[in-house]
Amino acid sequence: MTVSARAMAAATPATRDRYVDLLRVASLGTVVLGHWLMAVVSGDGIGNLLAVLPGLQVLTWGLQVMPVFFFVGGFSHALSYRSLARRSDRPLYAVFLRARLRRLLRPTLVFVLVWAAAAFAVQLAGRGAGGLSGAALRLVTQPLWFIGIYLAMVAFTPLLLTLHERHGWAAFAGLAGAAAAVDALRFALGVPYVEFLNFAFVWLAVHQLGFLRADGRIRRPAALAAAGLAGAVLLVAYGPYPLSMVGMPGEKVSNMAPPTLALLAHGMWLVGAVQLLARPATAWLARPRVWRGVVAANGIAMTAFLWHLTAMLGVYGAQLALGVPLPEPASAAWWAQVPVRILLAAALTGVLVALFRRFEAPGGAAATAPGSGPRAALGIALCLLGILGLSMTGLGGLLEGHSATLIALPVTAPAAIGMALGGWLLVERSGTARRVRLRG
């Protein structure tokens, strides 16, 4: 049975931290809006507005808000794991994974399967190599990297939460120090491939800040924001780091892929900044109408994120099909079209959300039987590798066996999809192991 947003809002306990829910929605919404604004599309492919107008790259210091989403994830994971632990004294790893991943993996895998079928059909028709269709098949899975990283955060939560409970800020400092050491090995000593370790160290450090918030230990958010901003400015001004906090086409060094110490400093400043806004925002969220809107948006946020690029590509595709001219990027005519394109993309995203939102709906309360921890761990590892691999390969070249390098190994899109599906099944079935043994 589907519960309405109004009923969920009315049933919200007084102890719930509503600001975290707002941050989750606002961070994903900012990413979606940024993608819609920055895409520069022509009949030949898709580019980036920040490459056309490099002076706008400074805006990424406010608009690159994915660290906020991972920070919120740390807060939510800490509360979820502790809540499960209070209800049982048995190992709860498999239960925790199923509870946290159910609403994430189902809509993601539906998105992947729908797009894989479309990609297969397009390439069978001989239209998947170039132009807008070829660029779309390469682009549409790129945002899945964030889901892969999020899966890693879920997987490491029990271990890192234990470190947090023992060491507090020192656990965060250890991860930040490891990120700094990786960059030193990368830039000063030229050690190959070491930079990929920062996919873990940088994002898990931001995730650790969420644990600190859950325990009320970010007591000086202004100092955290100032330290992060000063660190980012100094690293960009005097280090090998680019100005943009998002990846740019053709750049030798990216702050995002793999993430750098500069991006970690950026995340610190954002976390401190949003913490400074917590009190007035919490008062605003006490208004019933405002809170109902946040609850409703949270119920569809992941579905909207998954399908927003599809909507944008649909708008551009329709524009090309109807013969509506595509002005020169960043020209006055181009800027004049931006509000119309964004409104149309939002409307089409709404249609897609209406079609696919049921896959994001909660699947009922998770069982509290401990299940099989090793099976769940293997499952989440396969999901993580599969989704990260798919974000790198895209869906172009399905019939040609196109591959990309994932952790020094080549992976194809079909193999990545297979790993993600197999991993999801292992996580789902990890809760049945004990019941099967009892019946036998």
Protein backbone atom coordinates (compact mmCIF):
# COMPACT_ATOMS: atom_id res chain seq x y z
CA MET A 1 0.00 0.00 0.00
CA THR A 2 1.36 3.42 -0.98
CA VAL A 3 1.33 6.02 1.78
CA SER A 4 0.72 9.61 0.69
CA ALA A 5 3.25 12.35 1.32
CA ARG A 6 0.65 14.16 3.43
CA ALA A 7 0.21 11.13 5.69
CA MET A 8 3.96 10.58 5.97
CA ALA A 9 4.51 14.24 6.82
CA ALA A 10 1.78 14.15 9.46
CA ALA A 11 3.32 11.04 11.02
CA THR A 12 6.83 12.52 11.24
CA PRO A 13 8.17 12.16 14.80
CA ALA A 14 9.26 15.31 16.55
CA THR A 15 12.79 13.91 16.92
CA ARG A 16 13.41 13.59 13.16
CA ASP A 17 16.15 15.80 11.74
CA ARG A 18 14.17 17.38 8.91
CA TYR A 19 17.08 19.46 7.70
CA VAL A 20 18.89 16.33 6.53
CA ASP A 21 15.93 15.45 4.30
CA LEU A 22 16.00 18.95 2.83
CA LEU A 23 19.74 18.69 2.14
CA ARG A 24 19.26 15.37 0.35
CA VAL A 25 16.62 16.80 -1.97
CA ALA A 26 18.40 20.12 -2.48
CA SER A 27 21.75 18.51 -3.33
CA LEU A 28 20.26 16.17 -5.94
CA GLY A 29 18.12 18.99 -7.32
CA THR A 30 21.17 21.22 -7.71
CA VAL A 31 23.02 18.49 -9.60
CA VAL A 32 20.07 17.98 -11.94
CA LEU A 33 19.73 21.71 -12.63
CA GLY A 34 23.47 22.01 -13.20
CA HIS A 35 23.44 19.20 -15.76
CA TRP A 36 20.55 20.78 -17.62
CA LEU A 37 22.27 24.14 -17.70
CA MET A 38 25.79 23.00 -18.57
CA ALA A 39 24.93 20.66 -21.46
CA VAL A 40 25.80 22.10 -24.86
CA VAL A 41 24.23 19.96 -27.57
CA SER A 42 24.61 20.03 -31.33
CA GLY A 43 23.88 17.58 -34.10
CA ASP A 44 27.44 16.31 -33.73
CA GLY A 45 27.42 15.56 -30.00
CA ILE A 46 27.33 16.96 -26.48
CA GLY A 47 29.75 19.43 -24.90
CA ASN A 48 30.06 21.42 -21.67
CA LEU A 49 29.23 25.09 -21.21
CA LEU A 50 32.11 25.43 -18.74
CA ALA A 51 34.54 24.53 -21.52
CA VAL A 52 32.99 27.18 -23.77
CA LEU A 53 33.06 29.83 -21.03
CA PRO A 54 35.95 28.90 -18.67
CA GLY A 55 35.23 31.95 -16.51
CA LEU A 56 32.09 30.22 -15.26
CA GLN A 57 34.10 27.39 -13.70
CA VAL A 58 34.30 29.32 -10.44
CA LEU A 59 30.55 28.69 -10.06
CA THR A 60 31.33 25.03 -9.40
CA TRP A 61 32.60 26.08 -5.97
CA GLY A 62 28.98 26.61 -5.00
CA LEU A 63 27.16 24.29 -7.38
CA GLN A 64 29.25 21.11 -7.01
CA VAL A 65 27.21 19.86 -4.08
CA MET A 66 27.66 16.10 -4.34
CA PRO A 67 29.77 16.22 -1.14
CA VAL A 68 26.64 17.39 0.68
CA PHE A 69 24.74 14.30 -0.48
CA PHE A 70 27.51 11.99 0.76
CA PHE A 71 27.66 13.92 4.05
CA VAL A 72 23.92 13.37 4.49
CA GLY A 73 24.46 9.70 3.63
CA GLY A 74 26.91 9.34 6.50
CA PHE A 75 24.40 10.83 8.93
CA SER A 76 21.59 8.55 7.71
CA HIS A 77 23.75 5.41 7.67
CA ALA A 78 24.87 5.99 11.25
CA LEU A 79 21.30 6.34 12.48
CA SER A 80 20.07 3.35 10.46
CA TYR A 81 22.82 0.99 11.60
CA ARG A 82 22.47 1.96 15.24
CA SER A 83 18.70 1.56 15.07
CA LEU A 84 19.06 -1.97 13.70
CA ALA A 85 21.73 -2.81 16.27
CA ARG A 86 19.42 -1.78 19.13
CA ARG A 87 16.81 -4.27 17.93
CA SER A 88 19.13 -7.27 17.87
CA ASP A 89 22.39 -8.41 19.43
CA ARG A 90 23.24 -10.62 16.42
CA PRO A 91 25.36 -9.64 13.37
CA LEU A 92 23.30 -7.29 11.24
CA TYR A 93 25.51 -6.60 8.22
CA ALA A 94 23.25 -8.33 5.68
CA VAL A 95 20.13 -6.74 7.16
CA PHE A 96 21.72 -3.29 7.04
CA LEU A 97 22.76 -3.71 3.41
CA ARG A 98 19.31 -4.85 2.32
CA ALA A 99 17.59 -2.06 4.22
CA ARG A 100 19.83 0.67 2.77
CA LEU A 101 20.05 -0.66 -0.78
CA ARG A 102 16.51 -1.72 -1.55
CA ARG A 103 15.29 1.76 -2.54
CA LEU A 104 18.56 2.53 -4.33
CA LEU A 105 19.20 -0.54 -6.44
CA ARG A 106 15.73 -1.28 -7.75
CA PRO A 107 15.21 2.05 -9.57
CA THR A 108 18.84 2.02 -10.72
CA LEU A 109 18.65 -1.44 -12.26
CA VAL A 110 15.33 -0.67 -13.94
CA PHE A 111 16.94 2.43 -15.47
CA VAL A 112 19.92 0.38 -16.65
CA LEU A 113 17.79 -2.36 -18.21
CA VAL A 114 15.49 0.06 -20.01
CA TRP A 115 18.42 2.01 -21.46
CA ALA A 116 20.31 -1.18 -22.34
CA ALA A 117 17.32 -2.41 -24.35
CA ALA A 118 17.05 0.96 -26.09
CA ALA A 119 20.79 0.99 -26.83
CA PHE A 120 20.63 -2.51 -28.28
CA ALA A 121 17.74 -1.52 -30.54
CA VAL A 122 19.46 1.68 -31.69
CA GLN A 123 22.68 -0.15 -32.52
CA LEU A 124 20.86 -2.94 -34.34
CA ALA A 125 19.36 -0.21 -36.51
CA GLY A 126 22.90 1.06 -37.21
CA ARG A 127 22.41 4.44 -35.55
CA GLY A 128 24.48 4.19 -32.38
CA ALA A 129 27.93 5.27 -33.53
CA GLY A 130 27.82 9.04 -33.95
CA GLY A 131 25.69 12.17 -33.62
CA LEU A 132 23.36 12.85 -30.73
CA SER A 133 22.32 9.20 -30.36
CA GLY A 134 25.92 8.00 -30.02
CA ALA A 135 26.74 10.77 -27.54
CA ALA A 136 23.61 9.96 -25.55
CA LEU A 137 24.58 6.30 -25.21
CA ARG A 138 27.98 7.34 -23.87
CA LEU A 139 26.64 10.09 -21.58
CA VAL A 140 23.48 8.71 -20.02
CA THR A 141 25.19 6.28 -17.62
CA GLN A 142 27.96 8.64 -16.45
CA PRO A 143 26.06 9.88 -13.35
CA LEU A 144 25.92 6.28 -12.11
CA TRP A 145 29.43 6.79 -10.68
CA PHE A 146 27.83 8.48 -7.68
CA ILE A 147 25.64 5.44 -6.99
CA GLY A 148 28.70 3.19 -7.14
CA ILE A 149 30.50 5.37 -4.59
CA TYR A 150 27.39 5.44 -2.42
CA LEU A 151 27.32 1.64 -2.42
CA ALA A 152 30.90 1.64 -1.14
CA MET A 153 29.87 3.98 1.67
CA VAL A 154 27.08 1.64 2.69
CA ALA A 155 29.43 -1.35 2.60
CA PHE A 156 32.05 0.36 4.80
CA THR A 157 29.61 1.94 7.27
CA PRO A 158 29.91 -0.68 10.07
CA LEU A 159 33.72 -0.55 10.03
CA LEU A 160 34.02 3.22 9.72
CA LEU A 161 31.29 3.83 12.29
CA THR A 162 33.28 1.73 14.77
CA LEU A 163 36.38 3.81 14.02
CA HIS A 164 34.34 6.98 14.49
CA GLU A 165 32.99 5.84 17.85
CA ARG A 166 36.52 5.09 19.06
CA HIS A 167 38.41 8.01 17.58
CA GLY A 168 35.94 10.74 16.55
CA TRP A 169 37.59 13.53 14.59
CA ALA A 170 40.82 11.53 14.43
CA ALA A 171 39.10 8.99 12.15
CA PHE A 172 38.21 11.79 9.73
CA ALA A 173 41.72 13.19 10.00
CA GLY A 174 43.17 9.78 9.17
CA LEU A 175 41.14 9.55 5.95
CA ALA A 176 41.99 13.13 5.02
CA GLY A 177 45.68 12.44 5.68
CA ALA A 178 45.50 9.35 3.48
CA ALA A 179 43.96 11.47 0.68
CA ALA A 180 46.80 13.99 1.04
CA ALA A 181 49.40 11.20 0.94
CA VAL A 182 47.85 9.79 -2.24
CA ASP A 183 48.07 13.18 -3.95
CA ALA A 184 51.67 13.56 -2.83
CA LEU A 185 52.55 10.18 -4.30
CA ARG A 186 50.68 11.06 -7.46
CA PHE A 187 51.95 14.57 -8.16
CA ALA A 188 55.31 14.70 -6.40
CA LEU A 189 56.59 11.18 -7.06
CA GLY A 190 54.57 10.19 -10.12
CA VAL A 191 53.46 6.84 -8.69
CA PRO A 192 51.12 5.31 -11.31
CA TYR A 193 47.50 4.42 -10.52
CA VAL A 194 47.77 5.49 -6.88
CA GLU A 195 45.31 8.33 -7.55
CA PHE A 196 42.41 5.87 -7.77
CA LEU A 197 42.68 5.21 -4.03
CA ASN A 198 41.19 8.65 -3.51
CA PHE A 199 37.85 7.45 -4.79
CA ALA A 200 37.73 5.82 -1.37
CA PHE A 201 39.70 8.19 0.87
CA VAL A 202 38.14 11.49 -0.27
CA TRP A 203 34.52 10.40 -0.38
CA LEU A 204 34.72 8.29 2.78
CA ALA A 205 36.20 11.28 4.60
CA VAL A 206 33.17 13.38 3.60
CA HIS A 207 30.94 10.47 4.67
CA GLN A 208 32.72 10.47 8.03
CA LEU A 209 31.64 14.07 8.57
CA GLY A 210 28.07 12.76 8.52
CA PHE A 211 28.88 10.48 11.45
CA LEU A 212 30.22 13.50 13.34
CA ARG A 213 27.01 15.40 12.67
CA ALA A 214 24.94 12.44 13.88
CA ASP A 215 26.72 12.71 17.24
CA GLY A 216 26.53 16.50 17.39
CA ARG A 217 30.30 16.88 17.12
CA ILE A 218 30.46 19.57 14.42
CA ARG A 219 30.33 22.36 16.97
CA ARG A 220 32.22 25.01 14.99
CA PRO A 221 30.83 24.89 11.45
CA ALA A 222 32.20 28.34 10.63
CA ALA A 223 35.73 27.15 11.40
CA LEU A 224 35.21 24.02 9.28
CA ALA A 225 33.91 26.10 6.36
CA ALA A 226 36.75 28.61 6.64
CA ALA A 227 39.41 25.90 6.83
CA GLY A 228 37.95 24.07 3.85
CA LEU A 229 37.60 27.19 1.71
CA ALA A 230 41.09 28.43 2.57
CA GLY A 231 42.55 25.00 1.85
CA ALA A 232 40.78 24.76 -1.53
CA VAL A 233 41.91 28.26 -2.53
CA LEU A 234 45.54 27.57 -1.62
CA LEU A 235 45.59 24.16 -3.31
CA VAL A 236 44.17 25.54 -6.55
CA ALA A 237 46.32 28.67 -6.49
CA TYR A 238 49.65 26.96 -5.73
CA GLY A 239 49.11 23.27 -6.45
CA PRO A 240 48.46 21.18 -9.55
CA TYR A 241 44.70 21.36 -9.13
CA PRO A 242 42.30 22.93 -11.68
CA LEU A 243 39.78 25.62 -10.81
CA SER A 244 36.71 23.55 -11.72
CA MET A 245 35.30 21.24 -9.08
CA VAL A 246 33.67 19.14 -11.79
CA GLY A 247 35.38 17.18 -14.55
CA MET A 248 36.21 19.08 -17.75
CA PRO A 249 36.68 17.51 -21.20
CA GLY A 250 40.31 17.15 -22.20
CA GLU A 251 41.83 18.32 -18.91
CA LYS A 252 45.03 16.62 -17.70
CA VAL A 253 43.98 16.73 -14.04
CA SER A 254 40.42 16.50 -12.77
CA ASN A 255 39.31 17.30 -9.23
CA MET A 256 36.51 14.76 -9.63
CA ALA A 257 37.78 11.66 -11.41
CA PRO A 258 39.63 10.61 -9.40
CA PRO A 259 38.83 13.04 -6.58
CA THR A 260 41.63 15.14 -5.13
CA LEU A 261 42.56 16.78 -1.86
CA ALA A 262 41.21 20.02 -3.32
CA LEU A 263 37.79 18.41 -3.69
CA LEU A 264 37.95 17.20 -0.09
CA ALA A 265 38.69 20.77 1.04
CA HIS A 266 35.75 21.91 -1.09
CA GLY A 267 33.55 19.32 0.63
CA MET A 268 34.65 20.59 4.05
CA TRP A 269 33.68 24.14 3.20
CA LEU A 270 30.29 23.04 1.89
CA VAL A 271 29.57 20.94 4.98
CA GLY A 272 30.48 23.83 7.25
CA ALA A 273 28.34 26.21 5.18
CA VAL A 274 25.21 24.03 5.26
CA GLN A 275 25.67 23.47 8.98
CA LEU A 276 25.56 27.24 9.50
CA LEU A 277 22.13 27.26 7.85
CA ALA A 278 20.71 24.42 9.94
CA ARG A 279 18.88 26.48 12.57
CA PRO A 280 16.91 28.84 10.30
CA ALA A 281 16.19 26.02 7.85
CA THR A 282 14.85 23.77 10.65
CA ALA A 283 12.47 26.54 11.73
CA TRP A 284 11.27 26.91 8.13
CA LEU A 285 10.72 23.15 7.83
CA ALA A 286 8.39 23.21 10.83
CA ARG A 287 5.74 24.67 8.50
CA PRO A 288 3.42 21.82 7.46
CA ARG A 289 3.21 22.80 3.79
CA VAL A 290 6.98 23.11 3.45
CA TRP A 291 7.60 19.77 5.13
CA ARG A 292 5.01 18.02 2.96
CA GLY A 293 6.85 19.29 -0.12
CA VAL A 294 10.17 17.94 1.16
CA VAL A 295 8.63 14.55 2.00
CA ALA A 296 7.06 14.31 -1.46
CA ALA A 297 10.32 15.28 -3.17
CA ASN A 298 12.30 12.72 -1.16
CA GLY A 299 9.97 10.00 -2.35
CA ILE A 300 10.92 10.57 -6.01
CA ALA A 301 14.40 12.12 -5.77
CA MET A 302 16.38 9.08 -6.90
CA THR A 303 14.04 8.36 -9.81
CA ALA A 304 14.25 11.98 -10.95
CA PHE A 305 18.04 11.92 -10.71
CA LEU A 306 18.31 8.73 -12.75
CA TRP A 307 16.07 9.96 -15.57
CA HIS A 308 16.88 13.70 -15.74
CA LEU A 309 19.53 13.29 -18.46
CA THR A 310 17.10 11.18 -20.47
CA ALA A 311 14.63 14.05 -20.30
CA MET A 312 17.24 16.60 -21.33
CA LEU A 313 18.32 14.45 -24.28
CA GLY A 314 14.67 14.02 -25.23
CA VAL A 315 14.18 17.79 -25.36
CA TYR A 316 17.26 18.31 -27.50
CA GLY A 317 16.33 15.38 -29.72
CA ALA A 318 12.87 16.81 -30.30
CA GLN A 319 14.39 20.20 -31.08
CA LEU A 320 16.62 18.65 -33.73
CA ALA A 321 13.82 16.49 -35.14
CA LEU A 322 11.48 19.48 -35.45
CA GLY A 323 14.13 21.58 -37.14
CA VAL A 324 14.26 24.17 -34.35
CA PRO A 325 17.68 25.81 -34.72
CA LEU A 326 20.37 25.23 -32.08
CA PRO A 327 22.08 28.60 -31.57
CA GLU A 328 25.80 29.01 -31.02
CA PRO A 329 26.59 27.93 -27.44
CA ALA A 330 26.68 30.82 -24.94
CA SER A 331 25.28 33.26 -27.53
CA ALA A 332 22.36 35.53 -26.65
CA ALA A 333 19.97 33.28 -28.57
CA TRP A 334 21.31 30.24 -26.74
CA TRP A 335 20.76 31.85 -23.34
CA ALA A 336 17.26 32.87 -24.39
CA GLN A 337 16.41 29.22 -25.03
CA VAL A 338 17.76 28.01 -21.66
CA PRO A 339 14.62 28.69 -19.54
CA VAL A 340 12.38 26.99 -22.12
CA ARG A 341 14.66 23.93 -22.35
CA ILE A 342 14.84 23.61 -18.57
CA LEU A 343 11.06 23.85 -18.19
CA LEU A 344 10.54 21.24 -20.91
CA ALA A 345 13.18 18.96 -19.35
CA ALA A 346 11.48 19.33 -15.96
CA ALA A 347 8.10 18.45 -17.47
CA LEU A 348 9.50 15.40 -19.27
CA THR A 349 11.29 14.31 -16.09
CA GLY A 350 7.92 14.51 -14.34
CA VAL A 351 6.43 12.15 -16.93
CA LEU A 352 9.32 9.70 -16.49
CA VAL A 353 9.01 9.88 -12.71
CA ALA A 354 5.30 9.07 -13.00
CA LEU A 355 6.19 5.99 -15.07
CA PHE A 356 9.04 4.68 -12.90
CA ARG A 357 8.51 6.01 -9.37
CA ARG A 358 6.91 2.76 -8.18
CA PHE A 359 10.32 1.12 -8.31
CA GLU A 360 11.61 3.60 -5.74
CA ALA A 361 8.73 2.97 -3.35
CA PRO A 362 9.70 1.15 -0.13
CA GLY A 363 9.30 -2.60 -0.37
CA GLY A 364 8.02 -3.05 3.14
CA ALA A 365 9.91 -3.35 6.39
CA ALA A 366 13.21 -5.15 6.20
CA ALA A 367 13.51 -8.41 8.06
CA THR A 368 15.68 -8.37 11.15
CA ALA A 369 17.08 -11.90 10.75
CA PRO A 370 20.85 -11.59 10.37
CA GLY A 371 21.13 -13.61 7.14
CA SER A 372 24.42 -14.22 5.38
CA GLY A 373 26.97 -11.43 5.83
CA PRO A 374 29.55 -12.86 3.38
CA ARG A 375 26.91 -13.29 0.69
CA ALA A 376 25.73 -9.71 1.20
CA ALA A 377 29.31 -8.41 1.11
CA LEU A 378 30.00 -10.23 -2.16
CA GLY A 379 26.74 -8.92 -3.57
CA ILE A 380 27.44 -5.28 -2.79
CA ALA A 381 30.98 -5.62 -4.16
CA LEU A 382 29.60 -6.92 -7.46
CA CYS A 383 26.97 -4.16 -7.55
CA LEU A 384 29.60 -1.53 -6.88
CA LEU A 385 31.95 -2.81 -9.60
CA GLY A 386 29.14 -3.30 -12.08
CA ILE A 387 27.63 0.15 -11.68
CA LEU A 388 31.02 1.90 -11.65
CA GLY A 389 32.01 -0.08 -14.74
CA LEU A 390 28.83 0.91 -16.54
CA SER A 391 29.38 4.58 -15.70
CA MET A 392 32.74 4.30 -17.50
CA THR A 393 31.79 2.18 -20.51
CA GLY A 394 28.49 3.78 -21.36
CA LEU A 395 26.06 1.87 -23.54
CA GLY A 396 27.65 2.58 -26.89
CA GLY A 397 29.42 -0.27 -28.63
CA LEU A 398 27.32 -3.03 -27.09
CA LEU A 399 27.58 -5.05 -30.27
CA GLU A 400 31.28 -4.32 -30.80
CA GLY A 401 32.43 -5.32 -27.32
CA HIS A 402 33.59 -1.80 -26.36
CA SER A 403 35.35 -1.85 -22.98
CA ALA A 404 36.79 0.52 -20.38
CA THR A 405 39.43 -0.02 -17.71
CA LEU A 406 38.10 -0.56 -14.20
CA ILE A 407 40.79 -1.05 -11.53
CA ALA A 408 43.33 -2.11 -14.17
CA LEU A 409 40.93 -4.63 -15.75
CA PRO A 410 38.88 -4.20 -18.93
CA VAL A 411 35.12 -4.39 -18.52
CA THR A 412 32.34 -4.28 -21.11
CA ALA A 413 28.84 -2.90 -20.63
CA PRO A 414 27.17 -6.36 -20.74
CA ALA A 415 29.63 -7.66 -18.14
CA ALA A 416 29.00 -4.61 -15.93
CA ILE A 417 25.23 -5.09 -16.18
CA GLY A 418 25.64 -8.77 -15.33
CA MET A 419 27.73 -7.95 -12.24
CA ALA A 420 25.18 -5.39 -11.03
CA LEU A 421 22.24 -7.75 -11.47
CA GLY A 422 24.08 -10.69 -9.89
CA GLY A 423 25.17 -8.55 -6.96
CA TRP A 424 21.65 -7.29 -6.37
CA LEU A 425 20.30 -10.84 -6.31
CA LEU A 426 22.97 -11.85 -3.79
CA VAL A 427 22.10 -8.94 -1.51
CA GLU A 428 18.38 -9.71 -1.73
CA ARG A 429 18.90 -13.42 -1.09
CA SER A 430 21.39 -12.87 1.72
CA GLY A 431 18.43 -12.74 4.10
CA THR A 432 17.13 -16.17 3.14
CA ALA A 433 20.20 -18.21 4.07
CA ARG A 434 19.22 -18.81 7.69
CA ARG A 435 15.63 -19.65 6.86
CA VAL A 436 16.72 -22.23 4.28
CA ARG A 437 18.99 -23.97 6.77
CA LEU A 438 16.24 -24.12 9.38
CA ARG A 439 13.82 -25.70 6.95
CA GLY A 440 16.34 -28.34 5.91
